[in-house]
């Protein structure tokens, strides 16, 4: 499905909430051909950057749902979970179950959305991550009951336009996805910080250490993306026996205190928090 043909001025894509993630998706969609006149945004406190973007692309911007005249073809729910109870009933009163609802809210179940939007509402849960802004996102999709194959394809087209998508077998897997790819960019950014600090500790100037750390992660990711080999094989390929990399990996791969143990714990912590937010913990 071509994203440029998926929505129109008469049946637009409505973005409900355009903060960091909503804005990242918007940037990615605009860059990939979604016309501004096929987009509506509800954002009561738009940032200056969003105001400029809306003006530059001809996007209709409203402070609340009542400012949207057309019934959307789909609604992207990108508001914070704590705002759902106050906002979604107004959305249901305005548009009913006509649109496809696509949620990027972590820890908010389809059952909760149906309680607020109506039991017949068609909902697709999606977990994207912030690299969608540069069309390098990783997004997981789970369509709820009643969502048609065409509507699932529409949700996949939205996310495929800004990166790679996977479809989940169950809604319960969304918590694990949150821990891996949803929160994952922050882990990588922290790794860059830590790697740069390690360079500083060995005598490099802070700006030089950061430049080297950033480019190392960028380059390694690009190499992994371009290669058909597994991450394990790529690691082995750059590790000479008893060499400098092997000395470092002896620490990073420690069976009780290494990076693998820490990362497993980090993913679990994020997934557990997602379950808490949804009330499943």
Protein backbone atom coordinates (compact mmCIF):
# COMPACT_ATOMS: atom_id res chain seq x y z
CA UNK A 1 0.00 0.00 0.00
CA UNK A 2 1.42 3.38 -1.03
CA UNK A 3 1.42 5.74 1.92
CA UNK A 4 0.94 8.77 -0.35
CA UNK A 5 -2.40 7.30 -1.50
CA UNK A 6 -3.60 5.95 1.85
CA UNK A 7 -5.13 9.21 3.10
CA UNK A 8 -6.72 12.31 1.61
CA UNK A 9 -8.04 15.71 2.62
CA UNK A 10 -11.52 14.15 2.95
CA UNK A 11 -10.32 11.08 4.91
CA UNK A 12 -7.15 12.26 6.61
CA UNK A 13 -4.76 10.75 9.10
CA UNK A 14 -5.41 12.33 12.49
CA UNK A 15 -2.47 12.50 14.88
CA UNK A 16 -3.78 12.82 18.43
CA UNK A 17 -0.86 14.25 20.37
CA UNK A 18 2.33 15.30 18.65
CA UNK A 19 5.11 15.18 21.19
CA UNK A 20 8.47 13.48 20.69
CA UNK A 21 7.26 10.19 19.22
CA UNK A 22 4.30 11.65 17.36
CA UNK A 23 6.61 14.30 15.96
CA UNK A 24 9.21 11.72 14.97
CA UNK A 25 6.59 9.73 13.07
CA UNK A 26 5.26 12.90 11.44
CA UNK A 27 8.75 13.83 10.23
CA UNK A 28 9.26 10.37 8.82
CA UNK A 29 5.90 10.30 7.03
CA UNK A 30 6.36 13.72 5.48
CA UNK A 31 9.83 12.70 4.27
CA UNK A 32 8.30 9.58 2.72
CA UNK A 33 5.61 11.31 0.70
CA UNK A 34 2.52 11.66 2.91
CA UNK A 35 1.01 15.01 1.81
CA UNK A 36 0.41 17.63 4.47
CA UNK A 37 -3.18 18.26 3.40
CA UNK A 38 -3.99 14.64 4.26
CA UNK A 39 -2.86 15.12 7.88
CA UNK A 40 -4.69 16.63 10.85
CA UNK A 41 -3.06 17.15 14.24
CA UNK A 42 -4.67 17.69 17.64
CA UNK A 43 -2.11 19.20 20.00
CA UNK A 44 -3.17 21.71 22.69
CA UNK A 45 0.36 22.94 23.34
CA UNK A 46 2.24 22.77 20.03
CA UNK A 47 5.97 23.41 20.12
CA UNK A 48 7.42 26.07 17.88
CA UNK A 49 8.92 23.40 15.62
CA UNK A 50 5.49 21.79 15.15
CA UNK A 51 3.91 25.15 14.32
CA UNK A 52 6.55 25.75 11.64
CA UNK A 53 6.14 22.23 10.28
CA UNK A 54 2.36 22.60 10.05
CA UNK A 55 2.70 25.92 8.26
CA UNK A 56 5.37 24.66 5.85
CA UNK A 57 3.40 21.55 4.87
CA UNK A 58 -0.17 22.82 5.00
CA UNK A 59 -1.17 20.64 7.95
CA UNK A 60 -4.35 21.56 9.82
CA UNK A 61 -3.54 21.96 13.52
CA UNK A 62 -6.23 22.05 16.23
CA UNK A 63 -6.19 22.46 20.01
CA UNK A 64 -8.80 19.73 20.54
CA UNK A 65 -10.86 17.16 18.67
CA UNK A 66 -13.73 19.58 18.09
CA UNK A 67 -11.49 21.49 15.69
CA UNK A 68 -11.34 18.55 13.24
CA UNK A 69 -14.10 18.71 10.62
CA UNK A 70 -13.46 15.53 8.61
CA UNK A 71 -13.87 11.96 9.83
CA UNK A 72 -10.37 10.49 9.77
CA UNK A 73 -9.46 7.36 7.89
CA UNK A 74 -7.23 6.51 10.84
CA UNK A 75 -6.34 8.05 14.18
CA UNK A 76 -2.84 7.76 15.61
CA UNK A 77 -3.18 7.85 19.40
CA UNK A 78 0.06 9.39 20.63
CA UNK A 79 -1.00 10.96 23.92
CA UNK A 80 0.31 9.91 27.32
CA UNK A 81 -1.52 6.99 28.99
CA UNK A 82 -2.61 9.19 31.91
CA UNK A 83 -4.52 11.43 29.47
CA UNK A 84 -6.58 8.61 27.94
CA UNK A 85 -9.55 8.77 30.31
CA UNK A 86 -10.02 12.50 29.72
CA UNK A 87 -9.47 12.60 25.95
CA UNK A 88 -10.65 9.36 24.33
CA UNK A 89 -14.35 9.60 25.25
CA UNK A 90 -14.47 12.92 23.37
CA UNK A 91 -12.81 11.21 20.42
CA UNK A 92 -15.45 8.47 20.52
CA UNK A 93 -18.27 11.01 20.70
CA UNK A 94 -16.86 12.86 17.71
CA UNK A 95 -15.99 9.99 15.36
CA UNK A 96 -17.41 6.83 16.92
CA UNK A 97 -15.99 3.59 15.55
CA UNK A 98 -15.61 4.85 11.97
CA UNK A 99 -11.82 5.35 11.97
CA UNK A 100 -9.13 2.76 12.47
CA UNK A 101 -7.41 3.56 15.77
CA UNK A 102 -3.65 3.02 15.89
CA UNK A 103 -2.05 3.33 19.32
CA UNK A 104 1.62 3.88 20.13
CA UNK A 105 0.94 4.16 23.88
CA UNK A 106 3.15 1.82 25.90
CA UNK A 107 1.35 -0.28 28.47
CA UNK A 108 -2.18 0.55 27.28
CA UNK A 109 -4.13 -2.56 26.29
CA UNK A 110 -6.70 -2.98 23.56
CA UNK A 111 -9.25 -3.80 26.26
CA UNK A 112 -8.70 -0.41 27.85
CA UNK A 113 -9.06 1.36 24.52
CA UNK A 114 -12.34 -0.44 23.87
CA UNK A 115 -13.62 0.59 27.27
CA UNK A 116 -13.02 4.23 26.30
CA UNK A 117 -13.74 4.18 22.56
CA UNK A 118 -16.48 1.56 22.35
CA UNK A 119 -16.43 -2.22 22.22
CA UNK A 120 -16.68 -2.22 18.43
CA UNK A 121 -13.66 0.05 17.97
CA UNK A 122 -10.96 -1.41 15.70
CA UNK A 123 -7.59 -0.94 17.32
CA UNK A 124 -4.05 -1.73 16.24
CA UNK A 125 -1.35 -1.52 18.88
CA UNK A 126 2.04 -0.44 17.60
CA UNK A 127 5.36 -0.06 19.37
CA UNK A 128 7.74 2.10 17.29
CA UNK A 129 11.00 3.67 18.39
CA UNK A 130 12.47 7.12 17.82
CA UNK A 131 14.67 6.25 14.80
CA UNK A 132 11.43 6.39 12.78
CA UNK A 133 12.32 10.09 12.40
CA UNK A 134 15.15 9.07 10.05
CA UNK A 135 13.28 6.12 8.49
CA UNK A 136 15.36 3.64 10.53
CA UNK A 137 12.71 2.63 13.03
CA UNK A 138 11.86 -0.77 14.43
CA UNK A 139 8.12 -1.22 14.99
CA UNK A 140 5.96 -4.12 16.15
CA UNK A 141 2.26 -4.39 15.27
CA UNK A 142 -0.61 -6.29 16.82
CA UNK A 143 -4.12 -5.91 15.30
CA UNK A 144 -7.03 -6.32 17.67
CA UNK A 145 -10.26 -8.17 17.06
CA UNK A 146 -12.29 -6.87 14.13
CA UNK A 147 -9.37 -5.21 12.34
CA UNK A 148 -9.50 -6.21 8.68
CA UNK A 149 -6.57 -7.38 6.60
CA UNK A 150 -6.68 -4.10 4.68
CA UNK A 151 -6.58 -2.09 7.91
CA UNK A 152 -3.68 -4.14 9.22
CA UNK A 153 -1.93 -3.44 5.92
CA UNK A 154 -2.61 0.26 6.38
CA UNK A 155 -1.03 0.24 9.84
CA UNK A 156 1.93 -1.69 8.49
CA UNK A 157 2.30 0.80 5.63
CA UNK A 158 2.45 3.67 8.11
CA UNK A 159 5.27 2.05 10.03
CA UNK A 160 7.05 0.46 7.04
CA UNK A 161 7.41 3.98 5.60
CA UNK A 162 9.68 4.85 8.52
CA UNK A 163 11.60 1.62 9.10
CA UNK A 164 11.20 -2.11 9.60
CA UNK A 165 8.01 -3.69 10.96
CA UNK A 166 7.19 -7.02 12.54
CA UNK A 167 3.76 -8.48 13.35
CA UNK A 168 3.31 -10.08 16.78
CA UNK A 169 1.50 -13.32 17.58
CA UNK A 170 -0.08 -11.97 20.76
CA UNK A 171 -0.69 -8.67 22.50
CA UNK A 172 1.28 -9.94 25.52
CA UNK A 173 4.48 -9.80 23.45
CA UNK A 174 4.17 -6.01 23.29
CA UNK A 175 5.78 -5.68 26.72
CA UNK A 176 8.91 -7.52 25.56
CA UNK A 177 9.02 -5.37 22.41
CA UNK A 178 8.87 -2.29 24.63
CA UNK A 179 11.91 -3.55 26.53
CA UNK A 180 13.94 -4.41 23.42
CA UNK A 181 13.25 -1.95 20.62
CA UNK A 182 10.89 0.60 22.16
CA UNK A 183 13.31 1.63 24.89
CA UNK A 184 16.38 0.26 23.10
CA UNK A 185 17.63 3.49 21.46
CA UNK A 186 18.19 4.96 24.94
CA UNK A 187 20.40 1.98 25.80
CA UNK A 188 22.50 2.61 22.68
CA UNK A 189 22.78 6.33 23.41
CA UNK A 190 23.96 5.49 26.92
CA UNK A 191 26.49 3.09 25.46
CA UNK A 192 27.88 5.96 23.37
CA UNK A 193 28.14 8.06 26.53
CA UNK A 194 29.89 5.24 28.41
CA UNK A 195 32.27 4.46 25.55
CA UNK A 196 33.25 8.12 25.30
CA UNK A 197 33.86 8.31 29.05
CA UNK A 198 36.10 5.26 28.76
CA UNK A 199 38.14 7.09 26.13
CA UNK A 200 38.40 10.16 28.34
CA UNK A 201 39.65 7.99 31.20
CA UNK A 202 42.46 6.80 28.91
CA UNK A 203 43.56 10.33 28.05
CA UNK A 204 41.40 11.44 25.10
CA UNK A 205 39.86 14.91 25.01
CA UNK A 206 36.09 14.77 25.67
CA UNK A 207 35.07 16.00 22.22
CA UNK A 208 37.44 13.61 20.48
CA UNK A 209 36.29 10.66 22.60
CA UNK A 210 32.64 11.45 21.82
CA UNK A 211 33.31 11.76 18.07
CA UNK A 212 35.03 8.39 18.03
CA UNK A 213 32.34 6.72 20.18
CA UNK A 214 29.45 8.05 18.06
CA UNK A 215 31.04 7.07 14.77
CA UNK A 216 31.99 3.64 16.08
CA UNK A 217 28.38 2.87 16.94
CA UNK A 218 27.12 4.36 13.67
CA UNK A 219 29.65 2.38 11.66
CA UNK A 220 29.06 -0.88 13.51
CA UNK A 221 25.30 -0.57 13.04
CA UNK A 222 25.71 0.16 9.34
CA UNK A 223 28.00 -2.85 8.96
CA UNK A 224 25.50 -5.10 10.75
CA UNK A 225 22.73 -3.77 8.52
CA UNK A 226 24.71 -4.37 5.33
CA UNK A 227 25.93 -7.86 6.28
CA UNK A 228 24.12 -11.18 6.02
CA UNK A 229 26.15 -12.51 8.94
CA UNK A 230 24.85 -12.71 12.49
CA UNK A 231 25.92 -10.26 15.16
CA UNK A 232 27.81 -13.09 16.84
CA UNK A 233 29.78 -13.83 13.66
CA UNK A 234 30.57 -10.16 13.15
CA UNK A 235 31.86 -9.97 16.72
CA UNK A 236 34.06 -13.02 16.26
CA UNK A 237 35.41 -11.66 12.98
CA UNK A 238 36.84 -8.56 14.68
CA UNK A 239 38.20 -10.37 17.73
CA UNK A 240 41.76 -11.67 17.43
CA UNK A 241 42.65 -14.35 19.99
CA UNK A 242 44.46 -12.80 22.96
CA UNK A 243 44.28 -9.38 21.27
CA UNK A 244 43.00 -6.01 22.48
CA UNK A 245 39.35 -6.65 21.59
CA UNK A 246 39.45 -10.03 23.33
CA UNK A 247 40.78 -8.35 26.48
CA UNK A 248 37.83 -5.95 26.48
CA UNK A 249 35.28 -8.67 25.72
CA UNK A 250 36.52 -10.72 28.66
CA UNK A 251 34.92 -8.02 30.81
CA UNK A 252 31.89 -7.29 28.66
CA UNK A 253 30.97 -10.99 28.34
CA UNK A 254 31.49 -11.91 32.00
CA UNK A 255 28.93 -14.55 32.88
CA UNK A 256 27.72 -12.86 36.09
CA UNK A 257 28.49 -9.16 35.65
CA UNK A 258 28.88 -8.58 31.92
CA UNK A 259 26.95 -6.61 29.35
CA UNK A 260 24.69 -9.57 28.54
CA UNK A 261 23.54 -9.83 32.14
CA UNK A 262 22.98 -6.08 32.39
CA UNK A 263 21.10 -5.91 29.09
CA UNK A 264 18.85 -8.83 29.99
CA UNK A 265 18.05 -7.07 33.24
CA UNK A 266 17.42 -3.77 31.47
CA UNK A 267 14.98 -5.34 29.00
CA UNK A 268 13.19 -7.09 31.87
CA UNK A 269 12.91 -3.84 33.84
CA UNK A 270 11.36 -2.02 30.89
CA UNK A 271 9.01 -4.92 30.12
CA UNK A 272 7.97 -5.19 33.76
CA UNK A 273 7.19 -1.46 33.85
CA UNK A 274 5.12 -1.84 30.70
CA UNK A 275 3.12 -4.60 32.40
CA UNK A 276 2.64 -2.38 35.46
CA UNK A 277 1.29 0.44 33.30
CA UNK A 278 -1.20 -1.93 31.69
CA UNK A 279 -2.23 -3.43 35.01
CA UNK A 280 -1.01 -6.89 34.01
CA UNK A 281 1.80 -7.11 36.55
